[in-house]
């Protein structure tokens, strides 16, 4: 759908295109709020910045842990639920589980069905200093809104290796909970890069499925908390590779990841590990730069929510949903839940403010 030219004040503008955004849109649309979603655009610049529409699910193959999608032949259902034009963009369905892009596309179709309007552009700047709020899109258009839901997500940090990019979704991942139980990782060795609590948590989770987990850290001491570090060092299936960095992901187009090449930070010879997967556990970067200080952020740049278990931000009438405000869970199901909460809070805010 193209850019909207009407200068009217929108009830709710939702920024983002992942599970949080579309769930918020479904709830807002069913409440007759006529939500307007800015989903971003499929451009080369956005691809370079990992800011493509659909969020991190755009880079996720089979999704096994979202309720309502048991293993089945989804081909016929997808044909009936998604327009041919959108299906062509997703590609043909393969396997018996829903994929990340397909899951998001189904959410989008449901939101549009209930009256959500979608703009294939991004919001580049905001002014939350007064109501109605003023948003500026990528083509310079100005949008006025009574309420705003920010659901722009967070991007996983990767090492930046060409081989890492080449094997994404073919053995390279940044989410053990999302992908760790997949068949390619079961009873086979995998590698985790990182040294903080998140890396240890990823390694500990992967150890449930993998035959061995190599935890690669550039120093001789983990940055994780003492109890987490102790857990990693005492785990029978976790092997810590001290003073090492990942220099290359090894593999083939047919098999995906088959190993990892490690360099030494203390002058030792390089080391090659056999592995079916590589997991980057070096943090996430929330997509909050465009806010330009308009909302209070945490020390890790996630949107701060002053009230526990609520989606309200530091500015009344502006709400946050999904990974942009969640540095702990970062799951599609929790993002969707927070999107529903944000829409309900936006509706109540509108009622309370006339």
Foldseek 3Di string as FASTA:
>chain_A
DADDDDQDAQAEEEAEQELLRLLLLLLLLVVVRQYEYAQEAPDPVCVVVQQHGHHPLVLWFFFDPDPDQDFAPCQVVLPVQADPVVDVVVDHDDGRGDGSVSVSRSSNSSSVVSRHHYHHWHWQAWALPDPQIWTATPVGDIHTYQFYEYERAWAWDDPPDPQLVVQRNLFEEADCVGPLQDPLAFQAEEEEEAQELQRLVSLVSSVVGYQAYEYEYLAQHGPYPPVSRVCQVPDPRYHYDHNKDFDHFDDDPVRGTQWTWIDGNVPDDIDIGGGSHYHYHHAIQAPCVNHVPVFDADPRRAFDDPDPPAQDTPRPRYGYAANSRDRDDRDSVRRNVNSSRRSVSSVVSVVVVD
